[in-house]
Amino acid sequence: TYRTYEDVQTELKALVEQHPDTVRPVVIGKSFQGRDIQGVEIADNVKADDGRPVFFLMGLHHAREWPSEEAAMEYATMLANPNADARVANLRANERTVIVPVVNVDGFVSTRQDSAVDPNDNSPAGQDPNVHLVEAVAPPGGILAYRRKNCDGEFPSPNVPCELQWGIDNNRNYGNLWGGPGSSQDPTSQSFHGPAPRSETETQAGRNYARTHHVTGLSTL
């Protein structure tokens, strides 16, 4: 099955404990609701102070895109394996790889919790014809397990349940080309870009890490 956020935390911790010379923990910031945005850095002699370039890999900007977290976790597991092939050994020797499997932590937690009660996942046929998964769904953040956005919104308090917030699409909130094609200024849209460029703590965390480290390549899943 897909990992929960607790699974992600447990496995990241295990990678660090099992491979202390090549894996170290990374926290790039906090989510709107105050959770750590966690990851790992993987490289030979990972604690050294050197000028190797950094490849920055981020997963799950959109809460319901669970496979993007899975791909990031599997890549971290492969890269940390001391018995992996020569290509992997070459990556560890010549670059640093920082992997953050879940950027939109709050939204991910909400979708995983709601999947237990989502009729689209739990109806006898496995698909309720009365439930529609189109982009414009209510409540505005996305319905149950199919929420897309983060847990920020109309209410400034992080204590407001995620399901009551309209949410902001983290992947439309970065500064580059903010407000351009593919995003929306409508808070009820699943592509709502937020009130301003980089208004979201999750977006700020990704940007700040990239601009304060020797990141020469960046990819989001």
Protein backbone atom coordinates (compact mmCIF):
# COMPACT_ATOMS: atom_id res chain seq x y z
CA THR A 1 0.00 0.00 0.00
CA TYR A 2 1.00 3.65 -0.17
CA ARG A 3 3.06 4.94 2.72
CA THR A 4 1.55 7.11 5.42
CA TYR A 5 3.45 10.14 6.70
CA GLU A 6 4.42 8.11 9.76
CA ASP A 7 5.88 5.47 7.42
CA VAL A 8 7.90 8.16 5.64
CA GLN A 9 9.28 9.50 8.92
CA THR A 10 10.16 6.01 10.17
CA GLU A 11 11.92 5.02 6.96
CA LEU A 12 13.89 8.25 6.68
CA LYS A 13 15.08 7.81 10.27
CA ALA A 14 16.06 4.21 9.53
CA LEU A 15 18.11 5.26 6.49
CA VAL A 16 20.07 7.69 8.65
CA GLU A 17 20.62 5.13 11.41
CA GLN A 18 21.65 2.35 9.04
CA HIS A 19 23.97 4.46 6.87
CA PRO A 20 25.51 7.17 9.10
CA ASP A 21 28.45 7.80 6.75
CA THR A 22 26.31 8.39 3.69
CA VAL A 23 22.90 9.62 4.90
CA ARG A 24 22.02 12.50 7.19
CA PRO A 25 18.65 14.06 8.10
CA VAL A 26 17.47 17.31 6.55
CA VAL A 27 14.62 19.61 7.61
CA ILE A 28 14.03 22.40 5.11
CA GLY A 29 11.25 24.19 7.00
CA LYS A 30 7.80 23.82 8.49
CA SER A 31 4.33 23.43 7.01
CA PHE A 32 1.42 25.80 7.60
CA GLN A 33 0.21 23.58 10.45
CA GLY A 34 3.70 23.41 11.97
CA ARG A 35 4.97 20.02 10.81
CA ASP A 36 8.62 19.55 9.83
CA ILE A 37 9.25 19.22 6.10
CA GLN A 38 11.74 16.38 6.32
CA GLY A 39 14.16 14.69 4.02
CA VAL A 40 17.63 13.21 3.75
CA GLU A 41 20.95 14.12 2.16
CA ILE A 42 22.83 11.22 0.59
CA ALA A 43 26.50 11.21 -0.42
CA ASP A 44 29.76 9.48 0.39
CA ASN A 45 31.30 11.11 3.44
CA VAL A 46 28.06 13.04 3.78
CA LYS A 47 29.24 15.12 6.76
CA ALA A 48 32.26 16.53 4.92
CA ASP A 49 32.48 20.20 4.00
CA ASP A 50 33.15 20.21 0.27
CA GLY A 51 31.98 21.80 -2.93
CA ARG A 52 30.18 18.92 -4.57
CA PRO A 53 27.06 19.97 -6.51
CA VAL A 54 23.65 19.25 -5.01
CA PHE A 55 20.74 17.59 -6.78
CA PHE A 56 17.51 18.60 -4.99
CA LEU A 57 14.55 16.23 -5.44
CA MET A 58 11.11 17.12 -4.06
CA GLY A 59 7.96 15.00 -3.96
CA LEU A 60 4.27 15.56 -3.35
CA HIS A 61 3.43 19.21 -3.84
CA HIS A 62 -0.14 18.03 -4.49
CA ALA A 63 -1.62 16.21 -1.52
CA ARG A 64 -3.40 13.48 -3.47
CA GLU A 65 -0.44 12.56 -5.69
CA TRP A 66 0.77 9.79 -3.41
CA PRO A 67 2.91 8.08 -6.10
CA SER A 68 5.22 11.11 -6.17
CA GLU A 69 6.12 10.48 -2.53
CA GLU A 70 6.59 6.79 -3.28
CA ALA A 71 9.01 7.51 -6.13
CA ALA A 72 11.06 9.85 -3.92
CA MET A 73 11.24 7.31 -1.09
CA GLU A 74 12.22 4.49 -3.42
CA TYR A 75 14.95 6.66 -4.96
CA ALA A 76 16.32 7.47 -1.50
CA THR A 77 16.31 3.80 -0.57
CA MET A 78 18.12 2.84 -3.77
CA LEU A 79 20.69 5.62 -3.47
CA ALA A 80 21.53 4.70 0.13
CA ASN A 81 22.07 1.02 -0.67
CA PRO A 82 25.80 0.30 -0.28
CA ASN A 83 25.47 -2.70 -2.61
CA ALA A 84 23.89 -0.78 -5.47
CA ASP A 85 25.47 -0.73 -8.91
CA ALA A 86 28.31 1.44 -10.18
CA ARG A 87 26.00 4.20 -11.42
CA VAL A 88 24.61 4.71 -7.93
CA ALA A 89 28.10 4.60 -6.40
CA ASN A 90 29.19 7.26 -8.87
CA LEU A 91 26.32 9.53 -7.83
CA ARG A 92 27.19 9.18 -4.16
CA ALA A 93 30.87 9.89 -4.85
CA ASN A 94 30.46 12.94 -7.05
CA GLU A 95 27.37 14.79 -5.90
CA ARG A 96 25.09 15.33 -2.95
CA THR A 97 21.46 14.34 -3.35
CA VAL A 98 18.83 15.93 -1.12
CA ILE A 99 15.46 14.20 -1.19
CA VAL A 100 12.33 15.68 0.41
CA PRO A 101 9.58 13.14 -0.24
CA VAL A 102 6.63 15.25 0.98
CA VAL A 103 6.51 19.03 0.49
CA ASN A 104 2.77 19.44 1.21
CA VAL A 105 2.87 17.59 4.51
CA ASP A 106 -0.44 18.85 5.93
CA GLY A 107 -2.41 18.06 2.80
CA PHE A 108 -0.84 14.62 2.55
CA VAL A 109 -1.72 13.79 6.16
CA SER A 110 -5.29 14.94 5.53
CA THR A 111 -5.76 12.83 2.40
CA ARG A 112 -4.33 9.70 4.03
CA GLN A 113 -6.63 10.08 7.03
CA ASP A 114 -9.67 10.79 4.88
CA SER A 115 -9.07 7.84 2.57
CA ALA A 116 -10.51 5.60 5.30
CA VAL A 117 -13.92 7.27 4.94
CA ASP A 118 -13.86 8.39 1.32
CA PRO A 119 -16.81 6.73 -0.48
CA ASN A 120 -14.88 6.79 -3.73
CA ASP A 121 -12.31 4.46 -2.15
CA ASN A 122 -14.68 2.42 -0.02
CA SER A 123 -17.94 1.93 -1.93
CA PRO A 124 -18.74 -1.72 -2.78
CA ALA A 125 -17.85 -1.24 -6.40
CA GLY A 126 -14.75 0.74 -5.50
CA GLN A 127 -16.18 3.69 -7.36
CA ASP A 128 -19.31 5.63 -6.39
CA PRO A 129 -20.87 7.05 -9.58
CA ASN A 130 -22.23 9.97 -7.56
CA VAL A 131 -18.77 11.12 -6.51
CA HIS A 132 -16.91 13.15 -9.10
CA LEU A 133 -13.18 13.79 -9.03
CA VAL A 134 -13.05 16.70 -11.45
CA GLU A 135 -10.88 19.64 -10.46
CA ALA A 136 -13.75 21.89 -9.32
CA VAL A 137 -14.93 19.97 -6.27
CA ALA A 138 -16.31 21.09 -2.92
CA PRO A 139 -15.12 21.86 -0.35
CA PRO A 140 -12.70 24.08 -2.24
CA GLY A 141 -9.51 22.39 -1.07
CA GLY A 142 -10.54 19.12 -2.67
CA ILE A 143 -12.75 16.39 -1.35
CA LEU A 144 -11.51 13.86 1.24
CA ALA A 145 -8.69 11.67 -0.14
CA TYR A 146 -8.65 13.72 -3.34
CA ARG A 147 -7.60 17.02 -1.81
CA ARG A 148 -4.93 18.68 -3.93
CA LYS A 149 -3.90 21.86 -2.12
CA ASN A 150 -2.30 22.66 1.23
CA CYS A 151 -4.17 23.52 4.45
CA ASP A 152 -3.84 27.30 4.39
CA GLY A 153 -6.77 29.43 3.34
CA GLU A 154 -9.49 31.77 4.49
CA PHE A 155 -8.72 31.23 8.17
CA PRO A 156 -5.22 32.29 9.31
CA SER A 157 -5.07 29.79 12.18
CA PRO A 158 -3.26 26.49 11.56
CA ASN A 159 -5.65 24.90 14.07
CA VAL A 160 -8.54 25.07 11.62
CA PRO A 161 -9.18 21.60 10.13
CA CYS A 162 -7.71 21.20 6.68
CA GLU A 163 -11.10 20.22 5.26
CA LEU A 164 -12.47 23.71 6.05
CA GLN A 165 -9.69 25.63 4.31
CA TRP A 166 -9.76 26.47 0.62
CA GLY A 167 -6.04 25.71 0.32
CA ILE A 168 -3.32 26.97 -1.97
CA ASP A 169 -1.68 24.96 -4.74
CA ASN A 170 1.95 24.89 -3.63
CA ASN A 171 3.13 24.07 -7.13
CA ARG A 172 1.49 27.26 -8.46
CA ASN A 173 2.82 29.43 -5.63
CA TYR A 174 6.49 29.77 -6.61
CA GLY A 175 7.70 33.15 -7.79
CA ASN A 176 8.74 32.22 -11.31
CA LEU A 177 5.85 33.00 -13.68
CA TRP A 178 3.46 33.31 -10.72
CA GLY A 179 -0.11 33.91 -11.87
CA GLY A 180 0.59 32.67 -15.39
CA PRO A 181 -1.07 29.96 -17.47
CA GLY A 182 -2.10 26.86 -15.55
CA SER A 183 -2.93 28.70 -12.34
CA SER A 184 -6.05 30.44 -11.06
CA GLN A 185 -6.83 33.48 -8.92
CA ASP A 186 -10.06 31.82 -7.78
CA PRO A 187 -9.67 30.35 -4.25
CA THR A 188 -12.18 27.60 -5.09
CA SER A 189 -10.05 26.40 -7.99
CA GLN A 190 -7.77 23.41 -7.48
CA SER A 191 -5.02 25.51 -9.13
CA PHE A 192 -5.40 28.57 -6.90
CA HIS A 193 -1.97 30.22 -6.85
CA GLY A 194 -2.43 31.97 -3.50
CA PRO A 195 -2.56 35.66 -2.59
CA ALA A 196 1.04 36.40 -3.61
CA PRO A 197 4.18 34.71 -4.94
CA ARG A 198 5.76 32.43 -2.32
CA SER A 199 3.04 33.22 0.22
CA GLU A 200 3.13 29.65 1.57
CA THR A 201 5.59 28.33 4.12
CA GLU A 202 6.08 25.11 2.16
CA THR A 203 6.98 27.06 -0.98
CA GLN A 204 9.31 29.35 0.96
CA ALA A 205 11.07 26.32 2.44
CA GLY A 206 11.85 24.82 -0.96
CA ARG A 207 13.04 28.12 -2.38
CA ASN A 208 15.17 29.01 0.64
CA TYR A 209 16.91 25.64 0.64
CA ALA A 210 17.72 25.90 -3.06
CA ARG A 211 19.12 29.42 -2.78
CA THR A 212 21.26 28.74 0.31
CA HIS A 213 22.89 25.50 -0.88
CA HIS A 214 24.97 24.53 -3.89
CA VAL A 215 21.96 23.28 -5.84
CA THR A 216 22.83 22.82 -9.51
CA GLY A 217 19.87 20.62 -10.41
CA LEU A 218 16.32 20.52 -9.06
CA SER A 219 13.39 18.28 -9.91
CA THR A 220 9.89 17.95 -8.52
CA LEU A 221 7.88 14.78 -8.87
